[in-house]
Protein backbone atom coordinates (compact mmCIF):
# COMPACT_ATOMS: atom_id res chain seq x y z
CA MET A 1 0.02 0.00 0.01
CA GLU A 2 1.46 3.38 -1.05
CA SER A 3 1.72 6.02 1.67
CA SER A 4 0.13 9.46 1.22
CA GLU A 5 3.56 11.00 1.02
CA THR A 6 4.54 8.57 -1.73
CA LEU A 7 1.40 9.41 -3.69
CA ARG A 8 2.06 13.08 -3.18
CA ASN A 9 5.35 12.83 -5.08
CA LYS A 10 4.11 10.58 -7.88
CA CYS A 11 3.46 11.96 -11.37
CA ALA A 12 -0.23 11.56 -12.21
CA ALA A 13 0.61 11.01 -15.90
CA CYS A 14 3.64 8.73 -16.27
CA TYR A 15 3.57 7.42 -12.66
CA ARG A 16 7.24 8.26 -12.07
CA GLN A 17 8.06 8.42 -8.38
CA PHE A 18 10.15 11.27 -6.88
CA ASN A 19 11.81 11.56 -3.45
CA LYS A 20 10.89 15.19 -3.06
CA LEU A 21 7.90 17.26 -4.16
CA GLU A 22 10.05 19.92 -5.75
CA HIS A 23 11.55 17.24 -8.03
CA LEU A 24 8.02 16.34 -9.20
CA VAL A 25 7.34 20.03 -9.89
CA GLU A 26 10.47 20.30 -12.02
CA HIS A 27 9.45 17.10 -13.87
CA MET A 28 6.02 18.51 -14.68
CA LYS A 29 7.52 21.78 -15.98
CA ILE A 30 9.57 19.99 -18.62
CA SER A 31 7.51 16.86 -19.42
CA TYR A 32 4.53 18.62 -21.09
CA HIS A 33 2.21 15.78 -20.11
CA SER A 34 -1.26 16.18 -21.53
CA GLY A 35 -4.40 14.31 -22.56
CA HIS A 36 -3.00 14.11 -26.10
CA GLU A 37 -0.31 11.59 -25.15
CA PRO A 38 -0.86 7.87 -25.95
CA THR A 39 -2.39 6.35 -22.83
CA CYS A 40 -2.67 2.79 -21.54
CA GLY A 41 -6.25 1.66 -21.62
CA VAL A 42 -5.68 -0.47 -18.50
CA CYS A 43 -3.73 1.58 -15.92
CA LYS A 44 -4.10 4.99 -17.68
CA LYS A 45 -0.36 5.63 -17.74
CA HIS A 46 0.69 8.35 -20.22
CA CYS A 47 3.43 7.45 -22.70
CA ARG A 48 5.38 9.81 -24.90
CA SER A 49 4.88 7.69 -28.03
CA PHE A 50 2.93 4.67 -29.26
CA GLU A 51 6.24 2.75 -29.32
CA SER A 52 6.63 3.51 -25.63
CA LEU A 53 3.04 2.39 -25.02
CA ARG A 54 3.72 -0.78 -26.99
CA GLU A 55 6.72 -1.56 -24.76
CA HIS A 56 4.55 -0.97 -21.65
CA LEU A 57 1.90 -3.39 -22.92
CA ILE A 58 3.94 -6.04 -24.75
CA GLY A 59 7.58 -5.89 -23.73
CA PRO A 60 10.42 -6.50 -23.41
CA LEU A 61 9.65 -5.42 -19.80
CA PRO A 62 5.87 -4.80 -19.74
CA LYS A 63 3.67 -4.15 -16.75
CA GLN A 64 2.38 -7.68 -16.19
CA GLU A 65 -1.23 -6.79 -15.32
CA CYS A 66 -1.53 -4.58 -18.40
CA LYS A 67 0.11 -7.15 -20.60
CA ASN A 68 -2.32 -9.88 -19.48
CA ILE A 69 -5.38 -7.74 -20.23
CA PHE A 70 -3.97 -6.43 -23.50
CA SER A 71 -3.16 -10.00 -24.72
CA LEU A 72 -6.87 -10.82 -24.37
CA ARG A 73 -8.61 -7.59 -25.28
CA GLY A 74 -6.07 -5.25 -26.93
CA CYS A 75 -5.84 -4.25 -30.60
CA ARG A 76 -2.27 -4.64 -31.77
CA PHE A 77 -2.64 -1.88 -34.36
CA CYS A 78 -4.24 1.05 -32.54
CA MET A 79 -3.42 -0.22 -28.99
CA THR A 80 -7.06 0.21 -27.82
CA ILE A 81 -8.45 -2.04 -25.04
CA LEU A 82 -11.82 -3.53 -25.98
CA GLU A 83 -14.60 -4.86 -23.76
CA SER A 84 -14.18 -8.55 -24.60
CA PRO A 85 -11.97 -10.89 -26.66
CA ASN A 86 -14.78 -11.12 -29.25
CA SER A 87 -15.03 -7.32 -29.46
CA ARG A 88 -11.27 -7.23 -29.92
CA ARG A 89 -11.47 -9.75 -32.81
CA ILE A 90 -14.12 -7.76 -34.64
CA HIS A 91 -12.40 -4.44 -34.00
CA GLN A 92 -8.96 -5.68 -35.11
CA GLU A 93 -10.31 -7.05 -38.38
CA ARG A 94 -11.67 -3.56 -39.14
CA CYS A 95 -8.58 -1.80 -37.83
CA GLN A 96 -6.19 -3.67 -40.11
CA PHE A 97 -5.86 -2.15 -43.57
CA SER A 98 -5.23 -4.22 -46.70
CA SER A 99 -2.27 -3.42 -48.89
CA VAL A 100 -2.55 -1.39 -52.10
CA ASN A 101 -2.87 -4.35 -54.42
CA SER A 102 -2.03 -2.51 -57.61
CA GLY A 103 0.34 0.42 -57.63
CA LEU A 104 -0.17 3.66 -59.46
CA THR A 105 1.75 2.49 -62.55
CA THR A 106 -0.45 -0.58 -62.90
CA ARG A 107 -3.65 1.38 -62.32
CA MET A 108 -2.80 4.00 -64.87
CA ALA A 109 -1.58 1.45 -67.40
CA ALA A 110 -4.98 -0.21 -67.17
CA LEU A 111 -6.61 3.12 -67.95
CA GLY A 112 -4.23 3.76 -70.85
CA LEU A 113 -2.67 6.75 -69.11
CA ARG A 114 1.02 7.50 -68.86
CA ASP A 115 0.59 10.08 -66.06
CA LYS A 116 -1.81 12.64 -64.69
CA ALA A 117 0.06 15.85 -65.29
CA MET A 118 -2.88 18.18 -64.79
CA ILE A 119 -4.21 18.98 -61.33
CA ASP A 120 -7.96 18.98 -62.06
CA TYR A 121 -9.92 18.08 -58.96
CA THR A 122 -13.49 17.83 -60.08
CA SER A 123 -15.06 16.55 -56.86
CA SER A 124 -17.84 18.71 -55.46
CA ARG A 125 -15.77 19.09 -52.33
CA SER A 126 -12.19 20.21 -52.87
CA PRO A 127 -9.78 18.24 -50.59
CA ARG A 128 -8.65 19.93 -47.44
CA VAL A 129 -5.96 17.29 -46.76
CA VAL A 130 -3.63 15.77 -49.40
CA ALA A 131 -0.65 13.41 -49.30
CA LEU A 132 2.55 13.82 -51.33
CA SER A 133 5.38 11.48 -52.10
CA CYS A 134 8.41 11.73 -54.41
CA LYS A 135 10.82 9.15 -55.82
CA MET A 136 14.42 10.12 -56.38
CA VAL A 137 17.02 9.21 -58.96
CA GLY A 138 20.71 9.90 -58.51
CA GLY A 139 22.88 12.78 -59.73
CA GLY A 140 26.50 13.74 -59.26
CA SER A 141 29.60 11.74 -60.10
CA ASP A 142 28.68 8.82 -57.84
CA GLY A 143 24.89 9.05 -58.21
CA SER A 144 24.37 9.82 -54.52
CA LEU A 145 22.66 13.20 -55.02
CA ASP A 146 18.91 12.86 -54.79
CA LEU A 147 16.97 14.33 -57.75
CA CYS A 148 13.20 14.27 -57.81
CA ALA A 149 12.04 12.23 -60.82
CA ARG A 150 8.50 11.28 -59.94
CA VAL A 151 5.81 12.87 -57.75
CA CYS A 152 2.32 11.84 -56.72
CA ILE A 153 -0.44 13.60 -54.75
CA THR A 154 -3.58 11.85 -53.43
CA ASP A 155 -6.64 12.82 -51.42
CA GLU A 156 -8.13 11.18 -48.28
CA SER A 157 -10.05 8.67 -50.42
CA ASP A 158 -6.83 7.41 -52.13
CA ASN A 159 -7.77 9.16 -55.40
CA VAL A 160 -4.85 10.40 -57.49
CA ILE A 161 -4.96 14.16 -57.82
CA PHE A 162 -1.63 14.60 -59.58
CA HIS A 163 1.12 12.34 -60.86
CA THR A 164 3.98 13.00 -63.19
CA TYR A 165 7.51 12.11 -64.02
CA VAL A 166 9.85 15.03 -63.41
CA LYS A 167 12.74 16.10 -65.61
CA PRO A 168 15.59 16.97 -63.20
CA SER A 169 17.50 20.20 -63.73
CA MET A 170 20.83 18.32 -63.87
CA ALA A 171 22.08 15.12 -65.45
CA VAL A 172 20.94 11.77 -64.02
CA THR A 173 23.82 9.40 -63.31
CA SER A 174 21.88 6.65 -61.57
CA TYR A 175 18.23 5.76 -62.23
CA ARG A 176 18.13 3.39 -59.21
CA TYR A 177 15.79 1.18 -61.23
CA GLU A 178 15.66 -1.62 -58.64
CA THR A 179 13.73 0.61 -56.26
CA THR A 180 12.32 3.39 -58.45
CA GLY A 181 11.33 1.49 -61.60
CA ILE A 182 12.34 4.63 -63.54
CA ARG A 183 14.04 4.31 -66.91
CA PRO A 184 15.60 7.04 -69.14
CA GLU A 185 12.59 7.04 -71.49
CA ASN A 186 10.33 8.01 -68.57
CA LEU A 187 12.20 11.25 -68.10
CA ARG A 188 12.97 12.10 -71.71
CA ASP A 189 9.79 14.17 -72.29
CA ALA A 190 8.89 14.61 -68.61
CA MET A 191 7.57 17.84 -67.07
CA PRO A 192 10.42 20.19 -66.07
CA LEU A 193 11.01 20.61 -62.33
CA LYS A 194 10.09 24.31 -62.32
CA GLN A 195 6.73 23.60 -63.88
CA VAL A 196 6.00 20.79 -61.39
CA GLN A 197 6.97 23.08 -58.53
CA ARG A 198 4.65 25.84 -59.71
CA LYS A 199 1.67 23.52 -60.18
CA ILE A 200 2.06 21.91 -56.70
CA GLN A 201 2.63 25.27 -55.00
CA GLU A 202 -0.51 26.77 -56.55
CA PHE A 203 -2.57 23.71 -55.65
CA LEU A 204 -1.41 23.62 -52.00
CA CYS A 205 -1.88 27.35 -51.40
CA ASN A 206 -5.27 27.18 -53.12
CA GLY A 207 -5.39 30.86 -53.86
CA GLU A 208 -3.95 32.11 -50.52
CA PRO A 209 -0.71 34.11 -50.42
CA MET A 210 2.01 32.25 -48.46
CA TRP A 211 2.23 34.87 -45.71
CA LYS A 212 -1.50 34.63 -45.01
CA ILE A 213 -1.76 30.87 -44.62
CA ARG A 214 -3.03 29.69 -41.21
CA PRO A 215 -3.76 26.16 -39.99
CA ARG A 216 -7.41 26.99 -39.33
CA GLY A 217 -10.04 28.85 -41.24
CA GLY A 218 -8.14 29.30 -44.51
CA LYS A 219 -8.28 27.69 -47.95
CA ALA A 220 -4.71 26.31 -48.06
CA ARG A 221 -4.39 22.53 -47.84
CA ILE A 222 -2.90 20.35 -45.13
CA LEU A 223 0.08 18.40 -46.57
CA VAL A 224 0.72 14.83 -45.36
CA GLY A 225 3.81 12.77 -46.08
CA HIS A 226 6.86 10.98 -44.68
CA GLY A 227 10.16 12.86 -44.68
CA LEU A 228 8.53 15.89 -46.29
CA ASP A 229 11.45 18.17 -45.49
CA HIS A 230 13.52 16.20 -48.00
CA ASP A 231 10.78 15.91 -50.59
CA LEU A 232 9.99 19.63 -50.52
CA ASP A 233 13.69 20.48 -50.65
CA ARG A 234 14.18 18.37 -53.76
CA LEU A 235 11.11 19.96 -55.29
CA GLN A 236 12.60 23.38 -54.35
CA LEU A 237 9.26 24.17 -52.82
CA GLU A 238 8.42 26.08 -49.59
CA TYR A 239 5.34 25.53 -47.53
CA PRO A 240 4.42 26.71 -44.00
CA SER A 241 5.35 24.18 -41.27
CA SER A 242 1.96 24.79 -39.62
CA MET A 243 0.33 23.06 -42.61
CA ILE A 244 2.64 20.04 -42.74
CA ARG A 245 1.80 16.70 -41.10
CA ASP A 246 4.95 14.54 -41.32
CA THR A 247 4.69 10.96 -40.08
CA ALA A 248 8.50 10.92 -39.73
CA LYS A 249 8.46 13.82 -37.20
CA TYR A 250 5.18 13.36 -35.31
CA PRO A 251 6.14 12.64 -31.64
CA PRO A 252 3.58 9.86 -31.01
CA LEU A 253 4.88 7.95 -34.06
CA MET A 254 8.60 8.32 -33.27
CA LYS A 255 10.91 5.93 -31.47
CA THR A 256 11.44 6.13 -27.72
CA SER A 257 14.89 7.48 -28.62
CA LYS A 258 13.07 10.38 -30.37
CA LEU A 259 14.40 9.26 -33.77
CA SER A 260 12.16 8.72 -36.76
CA ASN A 261 10.63 5.34 -37.62
CA SER A 262 10.66 4.22 -41.25
CA LEU A 263 7.40 4.30 -43.19
CA LYS A 264 7.85 0.58 -43.72
CA TYR A 265 7.82 -0.02 -39.94
CA LEU A 266 4.93 2.35 -39.24
CA THR A 267 2.77 0.79 -41.94
CA GLN A 268 3.43 -2.71 -40.67
CA ALA A 269 3.01 -1.85 -36.96
CA TYR A 270 -0.03 0.49 -37.11
CA LEU A 271 -1.80 -0.37 -40.36
CA GLY A 272 -1.09 -4.10 -40.51
CA TYR A 273 0.42 -4.58 -43.98
CA ASP A 274 3.82 -4.32 -45.68
CA VAL A 275 5.21 -1.80 -48.13
CA HIS A 276 8.50 -1.25 -49.96
CA PHE A 277 9.10 -4.62 -51.52
CA GLY A 278 11.03 -4.29 -54.77
CA ILE A 279 10.07 -1.25 -56.85
CA GLN A 280 8.58 1.47 -54.61
CA ASP A 281 5.52 3.29 -55.80
CA PRO A 282 4.87 6.90 -54.66
CA TYR A 283 1.16 6.19 -54.75
CA GLU A 284 1.64 3.44 -52.18
CA ASP A 285 3.53 5.87 -49.93
CA CYS A 286 0.79 8.50 -50.25
CA VAL A 287 -1.87 5.98 -49.25
CA ALA A 288 0.17 4.74 -46.25
CA THR A 289 0.96 8.20 -44.87
CA MET A 290 -2.64 9.33 -45.31
CA ARG A 291 -3.92 6.28 -43.49
CA LEU A 292 -1.48 6.94 -40.60
CA TYR A 293 -2.51 10.58 -40.49
CA THR A 294 -6.20 9.67 -40.44
CA ARG A 295 -5.63 7.18 -37.63
CA MET A 296 -3.86 9.79 -35.57
CA ARG A 297 -6.36 12.51 -36.43
CA TYR A 298 -9.37 10.60 -35.19
CA GLN A 299 -7.91 9.81 -31.78
CA LYS A 300 -10.43 10.81 -29.15
CA HIS A 301 -8.88 13.32 -26.77
CA LYS A 302 -10.25 15.77 -24.29
CA ILE A 303 -11.21 19.01 -25.99
CA GLU A 304 -9.35 22.06 -24.60
CA ALA A 305 -9.77 25.65 -25.66
CA TYR A 306 -6.01 26.21 -25.64
CA PRO A 307 -4.26 22.83 -25.88
CA LEU A 308 -0.68 23.91 -26.51
CA ALA A 309 1.86 24.99 -23.91
CA ALA A 310 2.92 27.67 -26.41
CA ASP A 311 -0.54 29.23 -26.59
CA ALA A 312 -0.47 32.77 -25.22
CA GLN A 313 -3.52 32.02 -23.08
CA ASN A 314 -1.50 29.46 -21.12
CA ARG A 315 1.10 31.97 -19.92
CA SER A 316 -0.78 32.13 -16.60
CA ASN A 317 0.26 28.51 -16.11
CA GLN A 318 3.86 29.64 -15.91
CA VAL A 319 2.97 31.57 -12.77
CA ALA A 320 1.32 28.44 -11.32
CA TRP A 321 4.52 26.49 -11.90
CA ARG A 322 6.38 28.69 -9.46
CA GLN A 323 7.71 26.42 -6.76
CA SER A 324 5.62 27.96 -3.96
CA GLU A 325 2.41 27.71 -5.99
CA ALA A 326 2.93 24.25 -7.45
CA GLU A 327 3.83 22.69 -4.08
CA ARG A 328 0.28 23.45 -2.93
CA MET A 329 -1.15 21.39 -5.78
CA SER A 330 -1.86 17.68 -5.89
CA PRO A 331 -0.31 15.64 -8.76
CA ASP A 332 -3.75 15.55 -10.46
CA GLU A 333 -3.99 19.37 -10.27
CA MET A 334 -0.55 19.71 -11.77
CA LEU A 335 -1.58 17.47 -14.67
CA SER A 336 -4.77 19.50 -15.20
CA ILE A 337 -2.78 22.66 -16.07
CA SER A 338 -0.05 20.88 -18.00
CA ARG A 339 -0.21 21.25 -21.82
CA SER A 340 1.28 19.55 -24.84
CA ASP A 341 4.52 20.81 -26.46
CA TYR A 342 3.45 19.48 -29.89
CA TYR A 343 0.43 20.01 -32.13
CA CYS A 344 -1.82 16.92 -31.83
CA TRP A 345 -3.36 15.99 -35.19
CA CYS A 346 -6.74 15.42 -33.54
CA LEU A 347 -6.99 19.22 -33.49
CA ASP A 348 -7.37 19.17 -37.29
CA SER A 349 -10.81 17.63 -36.79
CA LEU A 350 -11.86 20.76 -34.88
CA ALA A 351 -10.76 23.18 -37.59
């Protein structure tokens, strides 16, 4: 049985125990615990990432009680605890996605199309969220310089909005055919990089000047992808970070070491199928990143008027974190005023 003094110095989020109350206060100041963190459905422990939650539930050193319940009623994809083993079976079948059976090249070949070089979205509802992926060939004397040679954009329903081969601005010295499937003839009459850049920029901004783009209330589109910093750099394209949702940099999807997970791992662990066997298709990457984004976006979290620690309205919390003030609070009260240090994608559903 834990003593009242022990409970007094125990973090209400991650359950870390401290010898002194002031140490708990310092921990709360820098941990940014919030209701947006992945949380164990059994003991309600907050974890920094889903990988950390997975370790807590499955191993290598799991909490035994949580592991036992999770093994019977836990979904191995979204980490949710269900009411019964039967509920878990039904839920997990729905939670697991199937692979993209035919890549973009196969789909378009069946339609008699070489590419979709025009962005012409004719749906009655223009997409607010789109996914982008590029495939690179090699430039430079040793072929190690990445040059964008193919780009694809899809919407939330896996429809292709834009696809084209891209003619690099410098000579290609390695087509990397084993993984890209790109041959010299694909790029011979391809769209020049500058033209591709302009089309994508105009589509993403959707009529809004760059300086005016805001994450809520505007017309500009949310851009989803994996390793988008690199893709946008190779496209020589700028876009506001507030509109980018990168599965390689989203804290809940990162490793416990705070390094990025590969898209291959994320797709297998959280969607339940495999990607990146043989020739890699940008369409397949777009679909996988959009599915990951959607799964994260529809997480059910407590709605807060000002959910970020950086929000100006939370500055009063800084006063509360003064040692003399915080030491009067219980661990639960400290957690109630703590806010996230990253933008949770569930907030996109409120926009």
